[in-house]
Amino acid sequence: MPERAALYRRYRPQTFGAIVGQEHVTRTLRNAIAGGQVGHAYLLAGVRGTGKTSIARLIAKAVNCPNAKDGEPCDRCENCVAIREGRFLDLIEIDAASNRGIDEMRELRDKVRFTPSQGQYKVYVIDEAHQLTTEAFNALLKTLEEPPPHAIFVLATTESQRIPATIVSRTQHFDLRRIPHKGVVAQLAKIVEQENLRAEAPALEVIARHAQGSLRDAESMLDMVVAFADGPITLKEVDELLGSSDWEETAALFDALAASDGAGAITLVGRLVDDGRDLRLFVRRAIDHTRALVLTRATGAVPDSASEQVAVKLRAQAQTLSLDQLARIAKRLVETEQHLRTSEGTPLPLELAILDLVTPNEKASAPPPDATRQSLGSVSRAGTPQTRPETARRDVPRASVVAIAERRVATESAVGVGATAPAVKLESVRKAWGELVDRAKERSIGKAAQLAKAEPLAIDGTTIVIGFGEEFARSLWQDKRRGELEQDLSEILKATIRVKCVRQPGAPETPTDDPMLRAAIETLGRPDRIMEIE
């Protein structure tokens, strides 16, 4: 059976006009070539699949085409056909990933002096140029500074920040943008038509969203779907093949968060796990969805990449979520994506984040520190509330008591347990505290020293209230390390645990038998003086 070339190779642009989404680059190059102002070196930077190599080859075609009109190659002459078929001797493509040393650059420097064999210019395309060594860049530098008049260099890279400034200053630098969503969809539809295929419009929309601005990725995905589909390309087949969470599931998560429906959101996560979905990919898509909602909420305009159906959903959800809520969601999702890297496949970090997000933000209604201490004092060591109406009326403002009760009810409804039936006992948490400190010590002596001085104070459902003697330590663990603390406690206690860190002045230090840890505490003193050893 004859070999069939991949779609992205068969539909590689052969003229500047066929390049999708890079008008700012192609227009400049056409005008320069038409005006005889060809640069001796170009730097094309951008993410994969945006047209860097295609544009580099088009530069070679345009400068060597005898029939070029307004800087556009004819794509019919002998030189154009030879370049298209990969047999043009004066187009030299170098893969810097495998030819990155000084010897290769010295060889290039020696050969560049020879005049062209077929065309007017010799064009050197150095792909993944950022992978050249420092010595190789130094060897290339002099040639780029004073090249022969018949030589043109085109450097292509996905990481322009790794190109030395001395090299960049000797090139014309173009930044290629991600291909707009509508441009990717239009190109896919064009390919489907030319290939005499049938495809549902929503299916092409989904492929374009998966490609995330890379036209080559989109064409490769279309190639796979064509091979997978038995007949017309449908949305169902695309979802089955790509095997990643679609925007409808991401939108369902945000519907649940807006409604404070913790049970519904966790059920959704369980369904994704049962279907074998990649939770990290799901969280990354949720982060993108958050960004789209922020843009919609702040400006009233949906992103250009959103289809009509997605735009309707974004506008509706933007009305139910404030910018403060979206900022909180974004922060927790970014933390969760990092935790999922080391969670060995468990969905626990995402479930904990959801429980946190469906619980009302406590900053606005938080009682004064004295009221918080009084409320903690009314909770027994076993976590059972004690009735002390006289103390409550005397020391705690009525508004603070109501706020505490409302937060407790919200927490209990989110985790599905009552305050009188905690998931774990306070005594069990105290016994497990030593193991928690040992875990922290494996990562950082500083973290372990802070936890050794902290103390579990009370339990409210599955929320463990932990007292810290220093405000610095409390805010650090509450704002930055709470996810790590919740994950460790959940694994040790074998229950889904949430944590709230409070200030507890005068709390007794937790003793430790570990001489190294005790020395760290005694020597370094305050938590804000502890230097973490990762």
Protein backbone atom coordinates (compact mmCIF):
# COMPACT_ATOMS: atom_id res chain seq x y z
CA MET A 1 0.00 0.00 0.00
CA PRO A 2 1.49 3.39 -0.96
CA GLU A 3 2.43 5.64 1.95
CA ARG A 4 0.00 8.47 2.60
CA ALA A 5 1.56 11.71 3.80
CA ALA A 6 0.16 13.27 6.97
CA LEU A 7 -2.37 16.05 6.54
CA TYR A 8 -0.11 18.70 8.05
CA ARG A 9 2.54 17.88 5.42
CA ARG A 10 0.15 17.79 2.49
CA TYR A 11 -1.47 21.07 3.47
CA ARG A 12 1.70 22.96 4.39
CA PRO A 13 1.32 26.56 3.09
CA GLN A 14 3.16 27.16 -0.20
CA THR A 15 2.60 30.94 -0.38
CA PHE A 16 2.59 33.73 2.18
CA GLY A 17 -1.11 34.21 1.55
CA ALA A 18 -1.82 30.67 2.73
CA ILE A 19 -0.27 31.25 6.16
CA VAL A 20 -3.02 31.37 8.80
CA GLY A 21 -3.02 33.93 11.61
CA GLN A 22 0.40 35.58 11.04
CA GLU A 23 -0.50 38.57 8.88
CA HIS A 24 1.85 40.86 10.83
CA VAL A 25 4.79 38.66 9.78
CA THR A 26 3.88 37.71 6.22
CA ARG A 27 2.95 41.25 5.21
CA THR A 28 6.27 42.62 6.46
CA LEU A 29 8.25 39.92 4.67
CA ARG A 30 6.38 40.34 1.37
CA ASN A 31 6.92 44.10 1.38
CA ALA A 32 10.61 43.74 2.21
CA ILE A 33 11.20 41.14 -0.52
CA ALA A 34 9.22 43.13 -3.09
CA GLY A 35 11.23 46.28 -2.25
CA GLY A 36 14.59 44.51 -2.44
CA GLN A 37 15.20 44.99 1.27
CA VAL A 38 15.83 41.36 2.20
CA GLY A 39 17.42 40.95 5.63
CA HIS A 40 20.48 38.78 6.07
CA ALA A 41 19.11 37.10 9.22
CA TYR A 42 15.66 36.49 10.68
CA LEU A 43 14.54 35.11 14.06
CA LEU A 44 11.10 33.48 14.10
CA ALA A 45 9.83 32.76 17.62
CA GLY A 46 6.59 31.13 18.69
CA VAL A 47 4.95 28.02 20.13
CA ARG A 48 4.84 24.82 18.12
CA GLY A 49 2.62 24.54 15.09
CA THR A 50 2.27 28.27 14.35
CA GLY A 51 4.18 28.32 11.04
CA LYS A 52 7.83 29.05 11.83
CA THR A 53 9.36 26.44 9.49
CA SER A 54 6.76 27.11 6.78
CA ILE A 55 7.60 30.83 6.79
CA ALA A 56 11.32 30.06 6.71
CA ARG A 57 10.86 27.93 3.58
CA LEU A 58 8.66 30.59 2.02
CA ILE A 59 11.45 33.14 2.49
CA ALA A 60 13.72 30.78 0.54
CA LYS A 61 11.09 30.42 -2.20
CA ALA A 62 10.37 34.12 -2.48
CA VAL A 63 14.01 35.26 -2.74
CA ASN A 64 14.85 32.55 -5.29
CA CYS A 65 11.67 32.70 -7.41
CA PRO A 66 12.31 34.50 -10.76
CA ASN A 67 8.55 35.05 -11.16
CA ALA A 68 7.84 36.45 -7.71
CA LYS A 69 5.19 39.18 -7.71
CA ASP A 70 4.84 41.64 -4.83
CA GLY A 71 7.08 39.40 -2.73
CA GLU A 72 4.89 36.33 -3.29
CA PRO A 73 6.49 33.22 -4.89
CA CYS A 74 4.71 31.79 -7.94
CA ASP A 75 4.92 28.18 -6.65
CA ARG A 76 5.18 26.95 -10.25
CA CYS A 77 8.73 27.65 -11.41
CA GLU A 78 11.56 25.13 -11.18
CA ASN A 79 13.01 26.65 -8.00
CA CYS A 80 9.64 26.79 -6.23
CA VAL A 81 8.83 23.20 -7.13
CA ALA A 82 12.29 22.04 -6.01
CA ILE A 83 11.86 23.75 -2.64
CA ARG A 84 8.37 22.29 -2.23
CA GLU A 85 9.68 18.80 -2.99
CA GLY A 86 12.71 19.19 -0.71
CA ARG A 87 15.44 18.93 -3.39
CA PHE A 88 16.61 22.54 -3.63
CA LEU A 89 20.38 22.53 -3.00
CA ASP A 90 20.54 26.11 -1.75
CA LEU A 91 18.01 25.55 1.05
CA ILE A 92 19.94 24.03 3.95
CA GLU A 93 17.87 23.02 6.99
CA ILE A 94 19.76 22.30 10.22
CA ASP A 95 18.23 20.69 13.30
CA ALA A 96 19.96 22.40 16.20
CA ALA A 97 18.75 19.72 18.60
CA SER A 98 21.10 17.15 17.01
CA ASN A 99 23.67 19.55 15.45
CA ARG A 100 24.25 21.88 18.36
CA GLY A 101 28.02 21.88 18.78
CA ILE A 102 30.83 24.18 17.77
CA ASP A 103 32.09 21.79 15.07
CA GLU A 104 28.81 21.96 13.14
CA MET A 105 28.80 25.77 13.27
CA ARG A 106 32.41 25.94 12.14
CA GLU A 107 31.53 23.70 9.18
CA LEU A 108 28.59 25.97 8.36
CA ARG A 109 30.87 29.02 8.57
CA ASP A 110 33.29 27.45 6.09
CA LYS A 111 30.62 26.36 3.59
CA VAL A 112 28.60 29.58 3.63
CA ARG A 113 31.29 31.27 1.53
CA PHE A 114 30.48 29.15 -1.52
CA THR A 115 28.11 30.71 -4.03
CA PRO A 116 24.59 29.27 -4.59
CA SER A 117 24.20 26.29 -6.92
CA GLN A 118 20.66 26.82 -8.25
CA GLY A 119 19.21 30.08 -7.02
CA GLN A 120 20.26 33.58 -6.15
CA TYR A 121 20.51 33.04 -2.40
CA LYS A 122 21.63 30.27 -0.08
CA VAL A 123 19.14 30.09 2.79
CA TYR A 124 20.15 28.43 6.07
CA VAL A 125 17.24 27.45 8.32
CA ILE A 126 18.32 26.57 11.88
CA ASP A 127 15.39 24.92 13.67
CA GLU A 128 15.16 24.85 17.49
CA ALA A 129 18.01 27.35 17.51
CA HIS A 130 17.85 27.80 21.30
CA GLN A 131 19.46 24.35 21.69
CA LEU A 132 22.78 25.49 20.25
CA THR A 133 25.60 25.54 22.79
CA THR A 134 27.26 28.76 23.92
CA GLU A 135 30.35 27.85 21.90
CA ALA A 136 28.21 27.20 18.81
CA PHE A 137 26.52 30.59 19.15
CA ASN A 138 29.93 32.23 19.44
CA ALA A 139 31.08 30.45 16.28
CA LEU A 140 27.91 31.62 14.47
CA LEU A 141 28.12 35.18 15.73
CA LYS A 142 30.78 36.49 13.34
CA THR A 143 29.04 34.97 10.33
CA LEU A 144 25.72 36.62 11.31
CA GLU A 145 27.48 39.94 11.80
CA GLU A 146 29.15 39.98 8.38
CA PRO A 147 27.55 37.31 6.18
CA PRO A 148 28.29 36.87 2.48
CA PRO A 149 25.84 38.84 0.30
CA HIS A 150 24.36 35.60 -1.08
CA ALA A 151 23.51 34.07 2.35
CA ILE A 152 20.35 34.42 4.44
CA PHE A 153 19.94 32.89 7.89
CA VAL A 154 16.57 32.03 9.42
CA LEU A 155 16.57 30.94 13.07
CA ALA A 156 13.38 29.28 14.37
CA THR A 157 12.79 28.74 18.08
CA THR A 158 10.09 28.04 20.65
CA GLU A 159 12.16 29.67 23.43
CA SER A 160 13.45 33.01 22.22
CA GLN A 161 14.55 33.99 25.74
CA ARG A 162 17.34 31.40 25.46
CA ILE A 163 18.83 33.03 22.36
CA PRO A 164 21.81 35.26 23.33
CA ALA A 165 21.18 38.98 23.01
CA THR A 166 24.22 39.29 20.73
CA ILE A 167 22.51 36.94 18.25
CA VAL A 168 19.06 38.55 18.54
CA SER A 169 20.51 42.01 17.88
CA ARG A 170 21.85 40.81 14.52
CA THR A 171 18.51 39.49 13.29
CA GLN A 172 15.07 40.76 12.42
CA HIS A 173 12.95 39.32 15.23
CA PHE A 174 9.34 38.21 14.61
CA ASP A 175 7.07 36.78 17.31
CA LEU A 176 4.48 34.41 15.88
CA ARG A 177 1.14 34.29 17.66
CA ARG A 178 -1.06 31.34 18.47
CA ILE A 179 -3.47 30.70 15.62
CA PRO A 180 -6.91 32.19 16.42
CA HIS A 181 -9.57 29.61 17.18
CA LYS A 182 -11.74 30.65 14.24
CA GLY A 183 -8.77 30.43 11.89
CA VAL A 184 -8.04 26.85 13.00
CA VAL A 185 -11.69 25.83 12.54
CA ALA A 186 -11.80 27.41 9.08
CA GLN A 187 -8.62 25.59 8.01
CA LEU A 188 -9.96 22.25 9.28
CA ALA A 189 -13.21 22.79 7.41
CA LYS A 190 -11.24 23.57 4.24
CA ILE A 191 -9.23 20.35 4.58
CA VAL A 192 -12.39 18.31 5.20
CA GLU A 193 -13.93 19.75 2.03
CA GLN A 194 -10.87 19.11 -0.11
CA GLU A 195 -10.55 15.56 1.23
CA ASN A 196 -14.23 14.88 0.40
CA LEU A 197 -14.99 14.10 4.04
CA ARG A 198 -18.00 14.87 6.20
CA ALA A 199 -17.67 16.34 9.67
CA GLU A 200 -19.99 17.93 12.21
CA ALA A 201 -19.17 21.55 12.94
CA PRO A 202 -19.06 20.95 16.74
CA ALA A 203 -16.51 18.17 16.16
CA LEU A 204 -14.15 20.58 14.38
CA GLU A 205 -14.71 23.14 17.15
CA VAL A 206 -13.60 20.60 19.76
CA ILE A 207 -10.50 19.63 17.76
CA ALA A 208 -9.56 23.31 17.47
CA ARG A 209 -9.98 23.82 21.22
CA HIS A 210 -7.75 20.82 21.95
CA ALA A 211 -5.06 22.23 19.62
CA GLN A 212 -4.78 25.45 21.70
CA GLY A 213 -3.56 27.65 18.87
CA SER A 214 -1.34 25.09 17.11
CA LEU A 215 -2.54 24.47 13.56
CA ARG A 216 -0.19 21.53 13.09
CA ASP A 217 -1.59 19.86 16.21
CA ALA A 218 -5.13 20.43 14.95
CA GLU A 219 -4.32 18.87 11.57
CA SER A 220 -2.64 15.90 13.25
CA MET A 221 -5.71 15.38 15.47
CA LEU A 222 -7.96 15.56 12.42
CA ASP A 223 -5.80 12.91 10.78
CA MET A 224 -6.31 10.60 13.77
CA VAL A 225 -10.05 11.21 13.88
CA VAL A 226 -10.37 10.44 10.16
CA ALA A 227 -8.64 7.12 10.75
CA PHE A 228 -10.80 6.41 13.80
CA ALA A 229 -14.19 7.42 12.45
CA ASP A 230 -16.36 5.01 10.53
CA GLY A 231 -18.11 7.47 8.26
CA PRO A 232 -18.79 11.13 9.11
CA ILE A 233 -16.73 12.72 11.88
CA THR A 234 -18.99 13.27 14.88
CA LEU A 235 -18.56 15.01 18.20
CA LYS A 236 -18.93 11.69 20.04
CA GLU A 237 -16.07 10.12 18.11
CA VAL A 238 -13.80 13.10 18.76
CA ASP A 239 -14.50 12.88 22.50
CA GLU A 240 -13.88 9.14 22.54
CA LEU A 241 -10.58 9.40 20.67
CA LEU A 242 -9.02 12.41 22.37
CA GLY A 243 -10.04 11.10 25.76
CA SER A 244 -9.96 14.44 27.59
CA SER A 245 -12.55 16.48 29.42
CA ASP A 246 -14.70 18.64 27.18
CA TRP A 247 -15.78 22.16 28.06
CA GLU A 248 -19.26 20.97 29.11
CA GLU A 249 -17.75 19.10 32.07
CA THR A 250 -15.63 22.12 32.96
CA ALA A 251 -18.72 24.32 32.75
CA ALA A 252 -20.58 21.86 34.99
CA LEU A 253 -17.85 22.26 37.62
CA PHE A 254 -18.28 26.04 37.63
CA ASP A 255 -22.07 25.70 37.79
CA ALA A 256 -21.59 23.62 40.95
CA LEU A 257 -19.11 26.11 42.43
CA ALA A 258 -21.46 29.02 41.76
CA ALA A 259 -24.29 27.14 43.50
CA SER A 260 -22.01 25.97 46.38
CA ASP A 261 -22.95 22.43 45.39
CA GLY A 262 -19.99 20.51 46.81
CA ALA A 263 -21.69 17.13 46.42
CA GLY A 264 -22.42 17.72 42.74
CA ALA A 265 -18.86 18.87 42.00
CA ILE A 266 -17.29 15.90 43.79
CA THR A 267 -19.67 13.54 42.01
CA LEU A 268 -18.44 15.03 38.73
CA VAL A 269 -14.82 14.38 39.74
CA GLY A 270 -15.71 10.79 40.64
CA ARG A 271 -17.28 10.28 37.22
CA LEU A 272 -14.14 11.60 35.53
CA VAL A 273 -11.99 9.20 37.56
CA ASP A 274 -14.26 6.27 36.67
CA ASP A 275 -13.98 7.19 32.98
CA GLY A 276 -10.19 7.21 33.20
CA ARG A 277 -9.90 10.94 32.53
CA ASP A 278 -6.71 12.91 33.18
CA LEU A 279 -7.52 15.12 36.17
CA ARG A 280 -4.50 17.38 35.59
CA LEU A 281 -5.77 18.12 32.09
CA PHE A 282 -9.23 18.74 33.54
CA VAL A 283 -7.78 21.21 36.07
CA ARG A 284 -5.76 22.98 33.37
CA ARG A 285 -8.93 23.38 31.33
CA ALA A 286 -10.68 24.69 34.44
CA ILE A 287 -7.91 27.29 34.80
CA ASP A 288 -8.45 28.35 31.17
CA HIS A 289 -12.20 28.51 31.87
CA THR A 290 -11.51 30.74 34.87
CA ARG A 291 -9.48 33.10 32.72
CA ALA A 292 -12.29 33.26 30.17
CA LEU A 293 -14.77 34.09 32.94
CA VAL A 294 -12.49 36.81 34.32
CA LEU A 295 -12.26 38.39 30.87
CA THR A 296 -16.02 38.13 30.37
CA ARG A 297 -16.82 39.50 33.81
CA ALA A 298 -14.32 42.38 33.62
CA THR A 299 -14.85 43.51 30.02
CA GLY A 300 -18.20 42.05 29.01
CA ALA A 301 -16.56 40.45 25.95
CA VAL A 302 -15.97 36.71 25.63
CA PRO A 303 -12.62 35.42 24.27
CA ASP A 304 -12.29 35.15 20.51
CA SER A 305 -11.69 31.41 20.80
CA ALA A 306 -15.17 30.80 22.24
CA SER A 307 -17.81 29.31 19.97
CA GLU A 308 -21.35 30.65 20.08
CA GLN A 309 -22.46 27.91 22.47
CA VAL A 310 -19.49 28.47 24.79
CA ALA A 311 -20.00 32.25 24.69
CA VAL A 312 -23.59 31.91 25.91
CA LYS A 313 -22.44 29.75 28.83
CA LEU A 314 -19.60 32.11 29.75
CA ARG A 315 -21.91 35.14 29.87
CA ALA A 316 -24.37 33.28 32.09
CA GLN A 317 -21.72 32.04 34.53
CA ALA A 318 -19.97 35.43 34.66
CA GLN A 319 -23.15 36.87 36.16
CA THR A 320 -23.09 34.37 39.05
CA LEU A 321 -19.40 34.61 40.01
CA SER A 322 -17.70 37.79 41.23
CA LEU A 323 -14.12 38.72 40.38
CA ASP A 324 -13.13 37.98 44.00
CA GLN A 325 -14.62 34.49 43.72
CA LEU A 326 -12.87 33.90 40.41
CA ALA A 327 -9.54 35.01 41.88
CA ARG A 328 -10.01 32.55 44.74
CA ILE A 329 -10.96 29.77 42.32
CA ALA A 330 -7.93 30.46 40.12
CA LYS A 331 -5.55 30.38 43.10
CA ARG A 332 -6.89 27.05 44.37
CA LEU A 333 -6.89 25.46 40.92
CA VAL A 334 -3.25 26.43 40.31
CA GLU A 335 -2.32 24.93 43.70
CA THR A 336 -4.33 21.80 42.90
CA GLU A 337 -2.64 21.29 39.53
CA GLN A 338 0.72 21.31 41.32
CA HIS A 339 -0.47 18.86 44.00
CA LEU A 340 -1.84 16.46 41.37
CA ARG A 341 1.68 16.04 40.00
CA THR A 342 2.75 14.21 43.14
CA SER A 343 -0.54 12.73 44.36
CA GLU A 344 -0.02 9.35 42.66
CA GLY A 345 -3.34 9.43 40.88
CA THR A 346 -5.63 10.21 43.82
CA PRO A 347 -8.32 12.85 43.19
CA LEU A 348 -8.05 14.02 46.81
CA PRO A 349 -6.30 17.36 46.09
CA LEU A 350 -9.06 18.35 43.67
CA GLU A 351 -11.79 17.21 46.06
CA LEU A 352 -10.27 19.22 48.90
CA ALA A 353 -10.04 22.28 46.67
CA ILE A 354 -13.72 21.93 45.75
CA LEU A 355 -14.75 21.68 49.41
CA ASP A 356 -12.75 24.81 50.13
CA LEU A 357 -14.29 26.71 47.22
CA VAL A 358 -17.91 25.86 48.09
CA THR A 359 -17.36 27.06 51.68
CA PRO A 360 -18.13 30.79 52.03
CA ASN A 361 -15.06 33.01 52.18
CA GLU A 362 -14.41 33.66 55.85
CA LYS A 363 -12.47 36.91 55.53
CA ALA A 364 -15.47 39.19 55.25
CA SER A 365 -17.38 37.70 58.19
CA ALA A 366 -14.50 36.56 60.39
CA PRO A 367 -15.00 37.48 64.09
CA PRO A 368 -12.32 39.32 66.06
CA PRO A 369 -9.47 37.16 67.47
CA ASP A 370 -10.96 37.31 70.99
CA ALA A 371 -14.29 36.01 69.71
CA THR A 372 -12.54 33.21 67.84
CA ARG A 373 -10.74 32.13 71.00
CA GLN A 374 -13.97 32.16 72.97
CA SER A 375 -15.70 30.02 70.33
CA LEU A 376 -12.80 27.57 70.40
CA GLY A 377 -12.99 27.46 74.16
CA SER A 378 -16.59 26.30 73.93
CA VAL A 379 -15.60 23.18 72.04
CA SER A 380 -14.57 20.12 74.05
CA ARG A 381 -11.48 18.04 73.27
CA ALA A 382 -13.74 15.44 71.64
CA GLY A 383 -15.20 18.08 69.35
CA THR A 384 -18.66 18.22 71.07
CA PRO A 385 -20.03 21.75 71.52
CA GLN A 386 -20.54 22.83 75.13
CA THR A 387 -23.43 25.13 76.06
CA ARG A 388 -22.09 28.27 77.69
CA PRO A 389 -24.71 30.96 76.96
CA GLU A 390 -23.53 33.28 79.74
CA THR A 391 -19.99 33.41 78.38
CA ALA A 392 -21.21 33.78 74.81
CA ARG A 393 -23.46 36.69 75.73
CA ARG A 394 -20.81 38.38 77.85
CA ASP A 395 -17.66 38.02 75.71
CA VAL A 396 -18.73 37.46 72.10
CA PRO A 397 -20.81 39.91 70.07
CA ARG A 398 -24.06 38.45 68.81
CA ALA A 399 -23.04 39.08 65.18
CA SER A 400 -19.86 37.05 65.69
CA VAL A 401 -21.80 34.14 67.21
CA VAL A 402 -24.14 34.16 64.23
CA ALA A 403 -21.21 34.27 61.80
CA ILE A 404 -19.54 31.32 63.50
CA ALA A 405 -22.78 29.30 63.39
CA GLU A 406 -23.37 30.13 59.74
CA ARG A 407 -19.86 29.02 58.76
CA ARG A 408 -20.26 25.79 60.73
CA VAL A 409 -23.55 25.00 58.97
CA ALA A 410 -21.98 25.77 55.56
CA THR A 411 -19.03 23.49 56.28
CA GLU A 412 -21.24 20.67 57.49
CA SER A 413 -23.51 20.85 54.46
CA ALA A 414 -20.49 20.86 52.12
CA VAL A 415 -18.89 17.74 53.59
CA GLY A 416 -22.13 15.98 54.43
CA VAL A 417 -21.57 15.48 58.18
CA GLY A 418 -22.91 17.05 61.34
CA ALA A 419 -20.96 18.89 64.00
CA THR A 420 -21.85 16.18 66.52
CA ALA A 421 -20.47 13.41 64.31
CA PRO A 422 -16.93 14.43 63.29
CA ALA A 423 -15.04 12.28 60.82
CA VAL A 424 -12.16 11.90 63.28
CA LYS A 425 -11.68 12.56 66.98
CA LEU A 426 -9.47 15.32 68.28
CA GLU A 427 -7.50 12.81 70.32
CA SER A 428 -6.72 10.86 67.13
CA VAL A 429 -5.45 14.03 65.50
CA ARG A 430 -3.20 14.77 68.50
CA LYS A 431 -1.78 11.25 68.37
CA ALA A 432 -1.14 11.55 64.62
CA TRP A 433 0.54 14.94 64.97
CA GLY A 434 3.96 13.41 65.55
CA GLU A 435 3.72 11.48 62.27
CA LEU A 436 2.70 14.70 60.50
CA VAL A 437 5.75 16.50 61.91
CA ASP A 438 7.99 13.61 60.79
CA ARG A 439 6.59 13.86 57.25
CA ALA A 440 7.24 17.59 57.18
CA LYS A 441 10.79 17.06 58.47
CA GLU A 442 11.58 14.91 55.42
CA ARG A 443 10.87 17.92 53.24
CA SER A 444 12.04 20.80 55.40
CA ILE A 445 13.36 21.25 58.95
CA GLY A 446 11.79 24.71 58.97
CA LYS A 447 8.30 23.42 58.18
CA ALA A 448 8.62 20.69 60.80
CA ALA A 449 9.71 23.22 63.44
CA GLN A 450 6.63 25.35 62.76
CA LEU A 451 4.26 22.37 62.97
CA ALA A 452 5.95 21.08 66.13
CA LYS A 453 5.00 24.34 67.85
CA ALA A 454 1.41 24.23 66.55
CA GLU A 455 -1.48 22.39 68.24
CA PRO A 456 -4.79 20.86 67.06
CA LEU A 457 -7.44 22.77 69.01
CA ALA A 458 -10.84 21.57 67.86
CA ILE A 459 -12.76 19.70 65.18
CA ASP A 460 -15.76 20.99 63.29
CA GLY A 461 -17.05 18.17 61.07
CA THR A 462 -14.04 17.33 58.93
CA THR A 463 -12.37 20.69 59.55
CA ILE A 464 -9.48 20.56 62.02
CA VAL A 465 -8.75 23.88 63.72
CA ILE A 466 -5.01 24.28 64.31
CA GLY A 467 -3.55 26.96 66.57
CA PHE A 468 -0.25 28.69 65.83
CA GLY A 469 1.55 30.90 68.33
CA GLU A 470 2.87 33.30 65.70
CA GLU A 471 0.85 35.21 63.12
CA PHE A 472 3.58 34.67 60.52
CA ALA A 473 3.33 30.88 60.81
CA ARG A 474 -0.48 30.96 60.90
CA SER A 475 -0.80 33.03 57.71
CA LEU A 476 1.90 30.98 55.96
CA TRP A 477 0.14 27.65 56.55
CA GLN A 478 -3.35 29.06 56.01
CA ASP A 479 -2.62 30.89 52.76
CA LYS A 480 0.25 29.01 51.10
CA ARG A 481 0.64 25.54 52.59
CA ARG A 482 -2.87 24.56 53.57
CA GLY A 483 -3.27 22.18 50.63
CA GLU A 484 -0.10 20.32 51.62
CA LEU A 485 -1.28 20.12 55.25
CA GLU A 486 -4.75 18.87 54.26
CA GLN A 487 -3.33 16.21 51.97
CA ASP A 488 -0.92 14.88 54.61
CA LEU A 489 -3.57 14.76 57.33
CA SER A 490 -6.07 13.11 54.99
CA GLU A 491 -3.58 10.37 54.17
CA ILE A 492 -2.53 9.83 57.79
CA LEU A 493 -6.08 9.82 59.22
CA LYS A 494 -7.59 8.06 56.18
CA ALA A 495 -10.39 10.60 55.87
CA THR A 496 -11.10 13.70 53.81
CA ILE A 497 -9.75 16.46 56.04
CA ARG A 498 -9.93 20.22 55.79
CA VAL A 499 -7.82 22.59 57.87
CA LYS A 500 -8.29 26.03 59.34
CA CYS A 501 -5.27 27.77 60.86
CA VAL A 502 -5.92 30.31 63.65
CA ARG A 503 -3.81 32.50 65.91
CA GLN A 504 -3.47 31.03 69.40
CA PRO A 505 -1.30 33.28 71.56
CA GLY A 506 0.10 31.49 74.57
CA ALA A 507 -0.49 28.01 73.14
CA PRO A 508 1.93 25.54 74.73
CA GLU A 509 4.76 24.29 72.59
CA THR A 510 4.44 20.74 71.35
CA PRO A 511 7.32 18.74 72.85
CA THR A 512 9.57 16.76 70.59
CA ASP A 513 12.05 14.00 71.27
CA ASP A 514 13.95 14.62 68.05
CA PRO A 515 17.20 16.42 69.04
CA MET A 516 17.72 17.96 65.58
CA LEU A 517 14.19 19.34 65.48
CA ARG A 518 14.37 20.54 69.09
CA ALA A 519 17.66 22.30 68.36
CA ALA A 520 16.12 24.00 65.32
CA ILE A 521 13.24 25.29 67.41
CA GLU A 522 15.42 26.46 70.30
CA THR A 523 18.06 28.04 68.04
CA LEU A 524 15.87 29.72 65.44
CA GLY A 525 13.08 30.77 67.77
CA ARG A 526 10.37 32.66 65.95
CA PRO A 527 8.92 31.11 62.76
CA ASP A 528 9.80 34.19 60.74
CA ARG A 529 13.47 33.45 61.45
CA ILE A 530 13.31 29.82 60.35
CA MET A 531 15.17 29.18 57.11
CA GLU A 532 13.61 26.27 55.28
CA ILE A 533 15.92 23.52 54.09
CA GLU A 534 14.15 21.91 51.14
